[in-house]
Structure formats: structure tokens, C-alpha cells
PDB file of N, CA and C in Angstrom:
ATOM      1  N   MET A   1       0.840  -1.182   0.000  1.00  0.00           N
ATOM      2  CA  MET A   1       0.000   0.000   0.000  1.00  0.00           C
ATOM      3  C   MET A   1       0.887   1.249   0.000  1.00  0.00           C
ATOM      4  N   THR A   2       0.572   2.173  -0.862  1.00  0.00           N
ATOM      5  CA  THR A   2       1.283   3.447  -0.901  1.00  0.00           C
ATOM      6  C   THR A   2       0.570   4.432   0.008  1.00  0.00           C
ATOM      7  N   ARG A   3       1.343   5.114   0.840  1.00  0.00           N
ATOM      8  CA  ARG A   3       0.789   6.125   1.738  1.00  0.00           C
ATOM      9  C   ARG A   3       1.160   7.507   1.203  1.00  0.00           C
ATOM     10  N   LEU A   4       0.425   8.501   1.630  1.00  0.00           N
ATOM     11  CA  LEU A   4       0.736   9.872   1.245  1.00  0.00           C
ATOM     12  C   LEU A   4       2.176  10.212   1.606  1.00  0.00           C
ATOM     13  N   LEU A   5       2.627   9.768   2.766  1.00  0.00           N
ATOM     14  CA  LEU A   5       3.997  10.019   3.209  1.00  0.00           C
ATOM     15  C   LEU A   5       5.028   9.434   2.255  1.00  0.00           C
ATOM     16  N   ASP A   6       4.701   8.336   1.590  1.00  0.00           N
ATOM     17  CA  ASP A   6       5.627   7.718   0.633  1.00  0.00           C
ATOM     18  C   ASP A   6       5.809   8.573  -0.617  1.00  0.00           C
ATOM     19  N   LEU A   7       4.814   9.369  -0.962  1.00  0.00           N
ATOM     20  CA  LEU A   7       4.855  10.173  -2.183  1.00  0.00           C
ATOM     21  C   LEU A   7       5.453  11.559  -1.976  1.00  0.00           C
ATOM     22  N   CYS A   8       5.447  12.029  -0.728  1.00  0.00           N
ATOM     23  CA  CYS A   8       5.792  13.426  -0.461  1.00  0.00           C
ATOM     24  C   CYS A   8       7.102  13.571   0.314  1.00  0.00           C
ATOM     25  N   SER A   9       7.884  14.543  -0.096  1.00  0.00           N
ATOM     26  CA  SER A   9       9.080  14.894   0.664  1.00  0.00           C
ATOM     27  C   SER A   9       8.731  15.862   1.789  1.00  0.00           C
ATOM     28  N   LEU A  10       7.576  16.515   1.681  1.00  0.00           N
ATOM     29  CA  LEU A  10       7.125  17.443   2.711  1.00  0.00           C
ATOM     30  C   LEU A  10       5.605  17.423   2.777  1.00  0.00           C
ATOM     31  N   ILE A  11       5.100  17.231   3.979  1.00  0.00           N
ATOM     32  CA  ILE A  11       3.671  17.371   4.266  1.00  0.00           C
ATOM     33  C   ILE A  11       3.610  18.290   5.468  1.00  0.00           C
ATOM     34  N   ARG A  12       2.918  19.409   5.321  1.00  0.00           N
ATOM     35  CA  ARG A  12       2.837  20.330   6.451  1.00  0.00           C
ATOM     36  C   ARG A  12       1.502  21.047   6.464  1.00  0.00           C
ATOM     37  N   SER A  13       1.175  21.523   7.650  1.00  0.00           N
ATOM     38  CA  SER A  13       0.005  22.385   7.825  1.00  0.00           C
ATOM     39  C   SER A  13       0.482  23.616   8.576  1.00  0.00           C
ATOM     40  N   LYS A  14      -0.220  24.709   8.345  1.00  0.00           N
ATOM     41  CA  LYS A  14       0.135  25.956   9.016  1.00  0.00           C
ATOM     42  C   LYS A  14      -1.007  26.946   8.842  1.00  0.00           C
ATOM     43  N   ASN A  15      -0.931  28.007   9.616  1.00  0.00           N
ATOM     44  CA  ASN A  15      -1.898  29.081   9.455  1.00  0.00           C
ATOM     45  C   ASN A  15      -1.560  29.900   8.217  1.00  0.00           C
ATOM     46  N   ALA A  16      -2.588  30.356   7.562  1.00  0.00           N
ATOM     47  CA  ALA A  16      -2.444  31.351   6.499  1.00  0.00           C
ATOM     48  C   ALA A  16      -3.235  32.556   6.983  1.00  0.00           C
ATOM     49  N   GLY A  17      -2.718  33.178   8.011  1.00  0.00           N
ATOM     50  CA  GLY A  17      -3.443  34.228   8.710  1.00  0.00           C
ATOM     51  C   GLY A  17      -4.227  33.615   9.852  1.00  0.00           C
ATOM     52  N   PRO A  18      -4.912  34.411  10.643  1.00  0.00           N
ATOM     53  CA  PRO A  18      -5.604  33.900  11.826  1.00  0.00           C
ATOM     54  C   PRO A  18      -6.910  33.159  11.538  1.00  0.00           C
ATOM     55  N   PHE A  19      -7.362  33.185  10.292  1.00  0.00           N
ATOM     56  CA  PHE A  19      -8.662  32.597   9.984  1.00  0.00           C
ATOM     57  C   PHE A  19      -8.612  31.449   8.971  1.00  0.00           C
ATOM     58  N   VAL A  20      -7.426  31.126   8.435  1.00  0.00           N
ATOM     59  CA  VAL A  20      -7.311  30.109   7.391  1.00  0.00           C
ATOM     60  C   VAL A  20      -6.221  29.111   7.751  1.00  0.00           C
ATOM     61  N   LEU A  21      -6.516  27.846   7.518  1.00  0.00           N
ATOM     62  CA  LEU A  21      -5.556  26.763   7.696  1.00  0.00           C
ATOM     63  C   LEU A  21      -5.158  26.283   6.315  1.00  0.00           C
ATOM     64  N   THR A  22      -3.868  26.035   6.104  1.00  0.00           N
ATOM     65  CA  THR A  22      -3.410  25.588   4.795  1.00  0.00           C
ATOM     66  C   THR A  22      -2.503  24.367   4.937  1.00  0.00           C
ATOM     67  N   PHE A  23      -2.552  23.501   3.951  1.00  0.00           N
ATOM     68  CA  PHE A  23      -1.749  22.285   3.906  1.00  0.00           C
ATOM     69  C   PHE A  23      -0.928  22.300   2.630  1.00  0.00           C
ATOM     70  N   ASP A  24       0.320  21.839   2.728  1.00  0.00           N
ATOM     71  CA  ASP A  24       1.191  21.711   1.564  1.00  0.00           C
ATOM     72  C   ASP A  24       1.621  20.264   1.437  1.00  0.00           C
ATOM     73  N   PHE A  25       1.497  19.733   0.231  1.00  0.00           N
ATOM     74  CA  PHE A  25       1.924  18.375  -0.081  1.00  0.00           C
ATOM     75  C   PHE A  25       2.916  18.476  -1.237  1.00  0.00           C
ATOM     76  N   MET A  26       4.202  18.307  -0.947  1.00  0.00           N
ATOM     77  CA  MET A  26       5.243  18.444  -1.964  1.00  0.00           C
ATOM     78  C   MET A  26       5.796  17.068  -2.295  1.00  0.00           C
ATOM     79  N   CYS A  27       5.559  16.643  -3.521  1.00  0.00           N
ATOM     80  CA  CYS A  27       5.914  15.300  -3.941  1.00  0.00           C
ATOM     81  C   CYS A  27       7.395  15.188  -4.306  1.00  0.00           C
ATOM     82  N   HIS A  28       7.901  13.962  -4.212  1.00  0.00           N
ATOM     83  CA  HIS A  28       9.307  13.689  -4.518  1.00  0.00           C
ATOM     84  C   HIS A  28       9.655  13.994  -5.973  1.00  0.00           C
ATOM     85  N   ASP A  29       8.752  13.641  -6.883  1.00  0.00           N
ATOM     86  CA  ASP A  29       9.062  13.733  -8.310  1.00  0.00           C
ATOM     87  C   ASP A  29       7.763  13.746  -9.118  1.00  0.00           C
ATOM     88  N   GLN A  30       7.901  13.810 -10.420  1.00  0.00           N
ATOM     89  CA  GLN A  30       6.735  13.873 -11.303  1.00  0.00           C
ATOM     90  C   GLN A  30       5.857  12.632 -11.167  1.00  0.00           C
ATOM     91  N   GLU A  31       6.473  11.473 -11.061  1.00  0.00           N
ATOM     92  CA  GLU A  31       5.709  10.228 -10.933  1.00  0.00           C
ATOM     93  C   GLU A  31       4.852  10.237  -9.661  1.00  0.00           C
ATOM     94  N   SER A  32       5.429  10.665  -8.556  1.00  0.00           N
ATOM     95  CA  SER A  32       4.686  10.742  -7.292  1.00  0.00           C
ATOM     96  C   SER A  32       3.557  11.760  -7.394  1.00  0.00           C
ATOM     97  N   TYR A  33       3.859  12.912  -7.984  1.00  0.00           N
ATOM     98  CA  TYR A  33       2.843  13.958  -8.164  1.00  0.00           C
ATOM     99  C   TYR A  33       1.686  13.447  -9.026  1.00  0.00           C
ATOM    100  N   ASP A  34       2.018  12.774 -10.124  1.00  0.00           N
ATOM    101  CA  ASP A  34       0.975  12.243 -11.009  1.00  0.00           C
ATOM    102  C   ASP A  34       0.097  11.233 -10.278  1.00  0.00           C
ATOM    103  N   LEU A  35       0.727  10.353  -9.496  1.00  0.00           N
ATOM    104  CA  LEU A  35      -0.043   9.362  -8.743  1.00  0.00           C
ATOM    105  C   LEU A  35      -0.967  10.038  -7.734  1.00  0.00           C
ATOM    106  N   LEU A  36      -0.435  11.021  -7.026  1.00  0.00           N
ATOM    107  CA  LEU A  36      -1.253  11.727  -6.032  1.00  0.00           C
ATOM    108  C   LEU A  36      -2.428  12.450  -6.683  1.00  0.00           C
ATOM    109  N   THR A  37      -2.164  13.193  -7.730  1.00  0.00           N
ATOM    110  CA  THR A  37      -3.228  14.005  -8.320  1.00  0.00           C
ATOM    111  C   THR A  37      -4.259  13.174  -9.080  1.00  0.00           C
ATOM    112  N   THR A  38      -3.849  12.075  -9.669  1.00  0.00           N
ATOM    113  CA  THR A  38      -4.820  11.237 -10.386  1.00  0.00           C
ATOM    114  C   THR A  38      -5.573  10.287  -9.462  1.00  0.00           C
ATOM    115  N   SER A  39      -5.070  10.099  -8.253  1.00  0.00           N
ATOM    116  CA  SER A  39      -5.732   9.179  -7.315  1.00  0.00           C
ATOM    117  C   SER A  39      -7.105   9.697  -6.891  1.00  0.00           C
ATOM    118  N   GLY A  40      -7.259  11.018  -6.874  1.00  0.00           N
ATOM    119  CA  GLY A  40      -8.526  11.590  -6.446  1.00  0.00           C
ATOM    120  C   GLY A  40      -8.758  11.516  -4.945  1.00  0.00           C
ATOM    121  N   VAL A  41      -7.708  11.262  -4.179  1.00  0.00           N
ATOM    122  CA  VAL A  41      -7.848  11.121  -2.729  1.00  0.00           C
ATOM    123  C   VAL A  41      -7.964  12.466  -2.022  1.00  0.00           C
ATOM    124  N   LEU A  42      -7.171  13.438  -2.438  1.00  0.00           N
ATOM    125  CA  LEU A  42      -7.237  14.759  -1.817  1.00  0.00           C
ATOM    126  C   LEU A  42      -8.411  15.521  -2.417  1.00  0.00           C
ATOM    127  N   THR A  43      -9.504  15.550  -1.679  1.00  0.00           N
ATOM    128  CA  THR A  43     -10.732  16.196  -2.147  1.00  0.00           C
ATOM    129  C   THR A  43     -11.252  17.150  -1.075  1.00  0.00           C
ATOM    130  N   PRO A  44     -12.066  18.105  -1.471  1.00  0.00           N
ATOM    131  CA  PRO A  44     -12.705  18.953  -0.462  1.00  0.00           C
ATOM    132  C   PRO A  44     -13.487  18.141   0.576  1.00  0.00           C
ATOM    133  N   GLN A  45     -14.107  17.056   0.145  1.00  0.00           N
ATOM    134  CA  GLN A  45     -14.899  16.245   1.074  1.00  0.00           C
ATOM    135  C   GLN A  45     -14.007  15.582   2.126  1.00  0.00           C
ATOM    136  N   LEU A  46     -12.798  15.163   1.753  1.00  0.00           N
ATOM    137  CA  LEU A  46     -11.870  14.579   2.722  1.00  0.00           C
ATOM    138  C   LEU A  46     -11.579  15.566   3.849  1.00  0.00           C
ATOM    139  N   PHE A  47     -11.285  16.814   3.484  1.00  0.00           N
ATOM    140  CA  PHE A  47     -10.968  17.822   4.490  1.00  0.00           C
ATOM    141  C   PHE A  47     -12.212  18.224   5.289  1.00  0.00           C
ATOM    142  N   ALA A  48     -13.364  18.144   4.668  1.00  0.00           N
ATOM    143  CA  ALA A  48     -14.614  18.381   5.394  1.00  0.00           C
ATOM    144  C   ALA A  48     -14.817  17.294   6.448  1.00  0.00           C
ATOM    145  N   ASP A  49     -14.577  16.052   6.060  1.00  0.00           N
ATOM    146  CA  ASP A  49     -14.770  14.939   6.986  1.00  0.00           C
ATOM    147  C   ASP A  49     -13.757  14.963   8.130  1.00  0.00           C
ATOM    148  N   LEU A  50     -12.501  15.254   7.823  1.00  0.00           N
ATOM    149  CA  LEU A  50     -11.450  15.217   8.843  1.00  0.00           C
ATOM    150  C   LEU A  50     -11.433  16.441   9.749  1.00  0.00           C
ATOM    151  N   TYR A  51     -11.761  17.611   9.184  1.00  0.00           N
ATOM    152  CA  TYR A  51     -11.551  18.854   9.923  1.00  0.00           C
ATOM    153  C   TYR A  51     -12.824  19.678  10.132  1.00  0.00           C
ATOM    154  N   GLY A  52     -13.959  19.133   9.709  1.00  0.00           N
ATOM    155  CA  GLY A  52     -15.214  19.842   9.907  1.00  0.00           C
ATOM    156  C   GLY A  52     -15.373  21.071   9.027  1.00  0.00           C
ATOM    157  N   ALA A  53     -14.621  21.121   7.937  1.00  0.00           N
ATOM    158  CA  ALA A  53     -14.711  22.257   7.012  1.00  0.00           C
ATOM    159  C   ALA A  53     -15.931  22.104   6.107  1.00  0.00           C
ATOM    160  N   ASP A  54     -16.399  23.208   5.585  1.00  0.00           N
ATOM    161  CA  ASP A  54     -17.453  23.191   4.573  1.00  0.00           C
ATOM    162  C   ASP A  54     -16.772  22.861   3.247  1.00  0.00           C
ATOM    163  N   PRO A  55     -17.140  21.764   2.587  1.00  0.00           N
ATOM    164  CA  PRO A  55     -16.458  21.400   1.337  1.00  0.00           C
ATOM    165  C   PRO A  55     -16.503  22.500   0.276  1.00  0.00           C
ATOM    166  N   ALA A  56     -17.525  23.335   0.321  1.00  0.00           N
ATOM    167  CA  ALA A  56     -17.628  24.439  -0.643  1.00  0.00           C
ATOM    168  C   ALA A  56     -16.574  25.512  -0.389  1.00  0.00           C
ATOM    169  N   GLU A  57     -15.980  25.530   0.802  1.00  0.00           N
ATOM    170  CA  GLU A  57     -14.971  26.532   1.143  1.00  0.00           C
ATOM    171  C   GLU A  57     -13.544  25.985   1.118  1.00  0.00           C
ATOM    172  N   VAL A  58     -13.387  24.724   0.709  1.00  0.00           N
ATOM    173  CA  VAL A  58     -12.053  24.121   0.628  1.00  0.00           C
ATOM    174  C   VAL A  58     -11.463  24.432  -0.739  1.00  0.00           C
ATOM    175  N   LEU A  59     -10.321  25.099  -0.739  1.00  0.00           N
ATOM    176  CA  LEU A  59      -9.614  25.442  -1.970  1.00  0.00           C
ATOM    177  C   LEU A  59      -8.498  24.430  -2.179  1.00  0.00           C
ATOM    178  N   LEU A  60      -8.514  23.756  -3.313  1.00  0.00           N
ATOM    179  CA  LEU A  60      -7.528  22.736  -3.663  1.00  0.00           C
ATOM    180  C   LEU A  60      -6.807  23.216  -4.912  1.00  0.00           C
ATOM    181  N   VAL A  61      -5.493  23.414  -4.815  1.00  0.00           N
ATOM    182  CA  VAL A  61      -4.718  23.951  -5.935  1.00  0.00           C
ATOM    183  C   VAL A  61      -3.582  22.996  -6.273  1.00  0.00           C
ATOM    184  N   HIS A  62      -3.486  22.641  -7.541  1.00  0.00           N
ATOM    185  CA  HIS A  62      -2.395  21.784  -8.018  1.00  0.00           C
ATOM    186  C   HIS A  62      -1.327  22.665  -8.650  1.00  0.00           C
ATOM    187  N   HIS A  63      -0.087  22.484  -8.211  1.00  0.00           N
ATOM    188  CA  HIS A  63       1.061  23.216  -8.753  1.00  0.00           C
ATOM    189  C   HIS A  63       1.947  22.206  -9.472  1.00  0.00           C
ATOM    190  N   ALA A  64       1.661  21.953 -10.737  1.00  0.00           N
ATOM    191  CA  ALA A  64       2.345  20.902 -11.482  1.00  0.00           C
ATOM    192  C   ALA A  64       3.856  21.115 -11.572  1.00  0.00           C
ATOM    193  N   LEU A  65       4.289  22.337 -11.842  1.00  0.00           N
ATOM    194  CA  LEU A  65       5.730  22.580 -11.982  1.00  0.00           C
ATOM    195  C   LEU A  65       6.491  22.379 -10.674  1.00  0.00           C
ATOM    196  N   ALA A  66       5.833  22.580  -9.564  1.00  0.00           N
ATOM    197  CA  ALA A  66       6.465  22.399  -8.258  1.00  0.00           C
ATOM    198  C   ALA A  66       6.222  21.001  -7.683  1.00  0.00           C
ATOM    199  N   HIS A  67       5.448  20.177  -8.400  1.00  0.00           N
ATOM    200  CA  HIS A  67       5.059  18.845  -7.918  1.00  0.00           C
ATOM    201  C   HIS A  67       4.393  18.956  -6.550  1.00  0.00           C
ATOM    202  N   ALA A  68       3.491  19.904  -6.413  1.00  0.00           N
ATOM    203  CA  ALA A  68       2.887  20.184  -5.118  1.00  0.00           C
ATOM    204  C   ALA A  68       1.383  20.401  -5.227  1.00  0.00           C
ATOM    205  N   VAL A  69       0.715  20.143  -4.117  1.00  0.00           N
ATOM    206  CA  VAL A  69      -0.715  20.409  -3.980  1.00  0.00           C
ATOM    207  C   VAL A  69      -0.885  21.234  -2.712  1.00  0.00           C
ATOM    208  N   LYS A  70      -1.696  22.273  -2.789  1.00  0.00           N
ATOM    209  CA  LYS A  70      -2.002  23.125  -1.632  1.00  0.00           C
ATOM    210  C   LYS A  70      -3.496  23.051  -1.385  1.00  0.00           C
ATOM    211  N   VAL A  71      -3.846  22.942  -0.122  1.00  0.00           N
ATOM    212  CA  VAL A  71      -5.249  22.910   0.286  1.00  0.00           C
ATOM    213  C   VAL A  71      -5.430  23.947   1.384  1.00  0.00           C
ATOM    214  N   SER A  72      -6.437  24.793   1.254  1.00  0.00           N
ATOM    215  CA  SER A  72      -6.716  25.816   2.269  1.00  0.00           C
ATOM    216  C   SER A  72      -8.214  25.872   2.552  1.00  0.00           C
ATOM    217  N   PHE A  73      -8.539  26.174   3.800  1.00  0.00           N
ATOM    218  CA  PHE A  73      -9.934  26.344   4.186  1.00  0.00           C
ATOM    219  C   PHE A  73      -9.996  27.134   5.489  1.00  0.00           C
ATOM    220  N   PRO A  74     -11.143  27.711   5.796  1.00  0.00           N
ATOM    221  CA  PRO A  74     -11.272  28.470   7.036  1.00  0.00           C
ATOM    222  C   PRO A  74     -11.026  27.590   8.268  1.00  0.00           C
ATOM    223  N   ARG A  75     -10.294  28.131   9.234  1.00  0.00           N
ATOM    224  CA  ARG A  75     -10.066  27.425  10.493  1.00  0.00           C
ATOM    225  C   ARG A  75     -11.402  27.249  11.214  1.00  0.00           C
ATOM    226  N   PRO A  76     -11.558  26.162  11.968  1.00  0.00           N
ATOM    227  CA  PRO A  76     -12.811  25.975  12.710  1.00  0.00           C
ATOM    228  C   PRO A  76     -13.019  27.051  13.781  1.00  0.00           C
ATOM    229  N   VAL A  77     -11.921  27.520  14.383  1.00  0.00           N
ATOM    230  CA  VAL A  77     -11.955  28.664  15.301  1.00  0.00           C
ATOM    231  C   VAL A  77     -10.765  29.543  14.948  1.00  0.00           C
ATOM    232  N   ARG A  78     -10.875  30.831  15.203  1.00  0.00           N
ATOM    233  CA  ARG A  78      -9.770  31.722  14.849  1.00  0.00           C
ATOM    234  C   ARG A  78      -8.547  31.419  15.707  1.00  0.00           C
ATOM    235  N   GLN A  79      -7.387  31.738  15.167  1.00  0.00           N
ATOM    236  CA  GLN A  79      -6.139  31.508  15.873  1.00  0.00           C
ATOM    237  C   GLN A  79      -6.152  32.228  17.223  1.00  0.00           C
ATOM    238  N   GLY A  80      -5.753  31.498  18.264  1.00  0.00           N
ATOM    239  CA  GLY A  80      -5.666  32.080  19.588  1.00  0.00           C
ATOM    240  C   GLY A  80      -6.959  32.059  20.384  1.00  0.00           C
ATOM    241  N   ASP A  81      -8.050  31.616  19.763  1.00  0.00           N
ATOM    242  CA  ASP A  81      -9.316  31.484  20.469  1.00  0.00           C
ATOM    243  C   ASP A  81      -9.125  30.532  21.658  1.00  0.00           C
ATOM    244  N   ILE A  82      -9.910  30.692  22.686  1.00  0.00           N
ATOM    245  CA  ILE A  82      -9.792  29.828  23.859  1.00  0.00           C
ATOM    246  C   ILE A  82      -9.999  28.352  23.508  1.00  0.00           C
ATOM    247  N   HIS A  83     -10.717  28.069  22.421  1.00  0.00           N
ATOM    248  CA  HIS A  83     -10.967  26.701  21.989  1.00  0.00           C
ATOM    249  C   HIS A  83      -9.980  26.227  20.919  1.00  0.00           C
ATOM    250  N   ASP A  84      -8.968  27.018  20.623  1.00  0.00           N
ATOM    251  CA  ASP A  84      -7.970  26.675  19.609  1.00  0.00           C
ATOM    252  C   ASP A  84      -6.939  25.718  20.207  1.00  0.00           C
ATOM    253  N   ALA A  85      -6.936  24.487  19.736  1.00  0.00           N
ATOM    254  CA  ALA A  85      -6.028  23.467  20.270  1.00  0.00           C
ATOM    255  C   ALA A  85      -4.659  23.480  19.590  1.00  0.00           C
ATOM    256  N   ASP A  86      -4.517  24.208  18.492  1.00  0.00           N
ATOM    257  CA  ASP A  86      -3.251  24.247  17.758  1.00  0.00           C
ATOM    258  C   ASP A  86      -3.074  25.660  17.208  1.00  0.00           C
ATOM    259  N   CYS A  87      -2.516  26.523  18.012  1.00  0.00           N
ATOM    260  CA  CYS A  87      -2.429  27.954  17.702  1.00  0.00           C
ATOM    261  C   CYS A  87      -1.732  28.234  16.370  1.00  0.00           C
ATOM    262  N   TYR A  88      -0.731  27.433  16.018  1.00  0.00           N
ATOM    263  CA  TYR A  88       0.020  27.668  14.786  1.00  0.00           C
ATOM    264  C   TYR A  88      -0.475  26.818  13.611  1.00  0.00           C
ATOM    265  N   GLY A  89      -1.384  25.908  13.878  1.00  0.00           N
ATOM    266  CA  GLY A  89      -1.891  25.034  12.813  1.00  0.00           C
ATOM    267  C   GLY A  89      -0.882  24.002  12.358  1.00  0.00           C
ATOM    268  N   GLY A  90       0.216  23.876  13.065  1.00  0.00           N
ATOM    269  CA  GLY A  90       1.318  23.022  12.627  1.00  0.00           C
ATOM    270  C   GLY A  90       1.164  21.539  12.894  1.00  0.00           C
ATOM    271  N   GLN A  91       0.142  21.135  13.619  1.00  0.00           N
ATOM    272  CA  GLN A  91      -0.050  19.712  13.934  1.00  0.00           C
ATOM    273  C   GLN A  91      -1.207  19.087  13.165  1.00  0.00           C
ATOM    274  N   GLN A  92      -1.863  19.855  12.332  1.00  0.00           N
ATOM    275  CA  GLN A  92      -3.093  19.399  11.686  1.00  0.00           C
ATOM    276  C   GLN A  92      -2.859  18.385  10.567  1.00  0.00           C
ATOM    277  N   TYR A  93      -1.660  18.305  10.049  1.00  0.00           N
ATOM    278  CA  TYR A  93      -1.358  17.381   8.957  1.00  0.00           C
ATOM    279  C   TYR A  93      -1.309  15.918   9.409  1.00  0.00           C
ATOM    280  N   ALA A  94      -1.120  15.676  10.699  1.00  0.00           N
ATOM    281  CA  ALA A  94      -0.854  14.331  11.220  1.00  0.00           C
ATOM    282  C   ALA A  94      -1.830  13.248  10.741  1.00  0.00           C
ATOM    283  N   PRO A  95      -3.144  13.484  10.716  1.00  0.00           N
ATOM    284  CA  PRO A  95      -4.048  12.411  10.279  1.00  0.00           C
ATOM    285  C   PRO A  95      -3.888  12.022   8.800  1.00  0.00           C
ATOM    286  N   LEU A  96      -3.148  12.804   8.048  1.00  0.00           N
ATOM    287  CA  LEU A  96      -3.042  12.565   6.611  1.00  0.00           C
ATOM    288  C   LEU A  96      -1.831  11.730   6.202  1.00  0.00           C
ATOM    289  N   VAL A  97      -0.800  11.645   7.016  1.00  0.00           N
ATOM    290  CA  VAL A  97       0.454  11.033   6.568  1.00  0.00           C
ATOM    291  C   VAL A  97       0.288   9.567   6.175  1.00  0.00           C
ATOM    292  N   ASP A  98      -0.589   8.841   6.840  1.00  0.00           N
ATOM    293  CA  ASP A  98      -0.796   7.421   6.527  1.00  0.00           C
ATOM    294  C   ASP A  98      -1.973   7.188   5.583  1.00  0.00           C
ATOM    295  N   LEU A  99      -2.478   8.249   4.979  1.00  0.00           N
ATOM    296  CA  LEU A  99      -3.590   8.148   4.042  1.00  0.00           C
ATOM    297  C   LEU A  99      -3.214   7.223   2.883  1.00  0.00           C
ATOM    298  N   ALA A 100      -4.023   6.227   2.621  1.00  0.00           N
ATOM    299  CA  ALA A 100      -3.747   5.283   1.529  1.00  0.00           C
ATOM    300  C   ALA A 100      -4.002   5.931   0.175  1.00  0.00           C
ATOM    301  N   ILE A 101      -3.053   5.741  -0.724  1.00  0.00           N
ATOM    302  CA  ILE A 101      -3.168   6.254  -2.087  1.00  0.00           C
ATOM    303  C   ILE A 101      -3.260   5.049  -3.021  1.00  0.00           C
ATOM    304  N   PRO A 102      -4.384   4.871  -3.704  1.00  0.00           N
ATOM    305  CA  PRO A 102      -4.514   3.723  -4.603  1.00  0.00           C
ATOM    306  C   PRO A 102      -3.584   3.862  -5.811  1.00  0.00           C
ATOM    307  N   ALA A 103      -3.146   2.733  -6.326  1.00  0.00           N
ATOM    308  CA  ALA A 103      -2.251   2.726  -7.481  1.00  0.00           C
ATOM    309  C   ALA A 103      -2.949   3.223  -8.741  1.00  0.00           C
ATOM    310  N   THR A 104      -4.252   3.041  -8.801  1.00  0.00           N
ATOM    311  CA  THR A 104      -5.039   3.538  -9.939  1.00  0.00           C
ATOM    312  C   THR A 104      -6.227   4.321  -9.404  1.00  0.00           C
ATOM    313  N   PRO A 105      -6.690   5.319 -10.136  1.00  0.00           N
ATOM    314  CA  PRO A 105      -7.823   6.111  -9.658  1.00  0.00           C
ATOM    315  C   PRO A 105      -9.080   5.271  -9.507  1.00  0.00           C
ATOM    316  N   ASP A 106      -9.918   5.640  -8.544  1.00  0.00           N
ATOM    317  CA  ASP A 106     -11.199   4.942  -8.338  1.00  0.00           C
ATOM    318  C   ASP A 106     -12.187   5.325  -9.406  1.00  0.00           C
TER     319      ASP A 106
END
């Protein structure tokens, strides 16, 4: 089984301002990028299910020349809110590293 971590040299999450959370998936090479993007695994619905985001507000951008995918959506609570469990947004990527990537698209 191929995992997201196997395809990417960097997986990270961070704040993009106090109201937006962003994820970066930087693939090792063109082959890894092609597998990731054609798999159809990174979808707005995935981030809605994992993070409680509205799928209509999830922005998914493919950067082919950089072999990267960026995903951004509004944070569930603003940065620094009393209910904010990750002030910098830097731990939010963790549930994704073992995400299974099928060898062929579904």
C-alpha cells in the first residue's frame, strides 16, 4: 500500500493568517505527483470529513511545476481562540500522513 507520506518529501500544515488553515503536499518527483493528483484522494470532502470544514470553502490547488498540492480552508476557530487546540496550525497534517493512495484512480 502506498501512503501519502511515501509520495511526499514534505507534508505540512500551518496558518495562512488567523482565519485560514493551509496544507502543503510536496511530492518527490513527477511520478509521485501524477499518482497523487490522479488518485482523487485529496478532495474537499476529505478535508470536510477530517476537519469539519465546509467542502464548498475548501480550496484545492495543483502546482504541477512544483510537484505540489495546496489545500486551504477556514479554520474551525480563529487563531488564539480559547478553543484553539493548535495555535500555529502546525499539527493538523498528522491524520493525513498514513492516508492510503490507490495505485489507480477509483
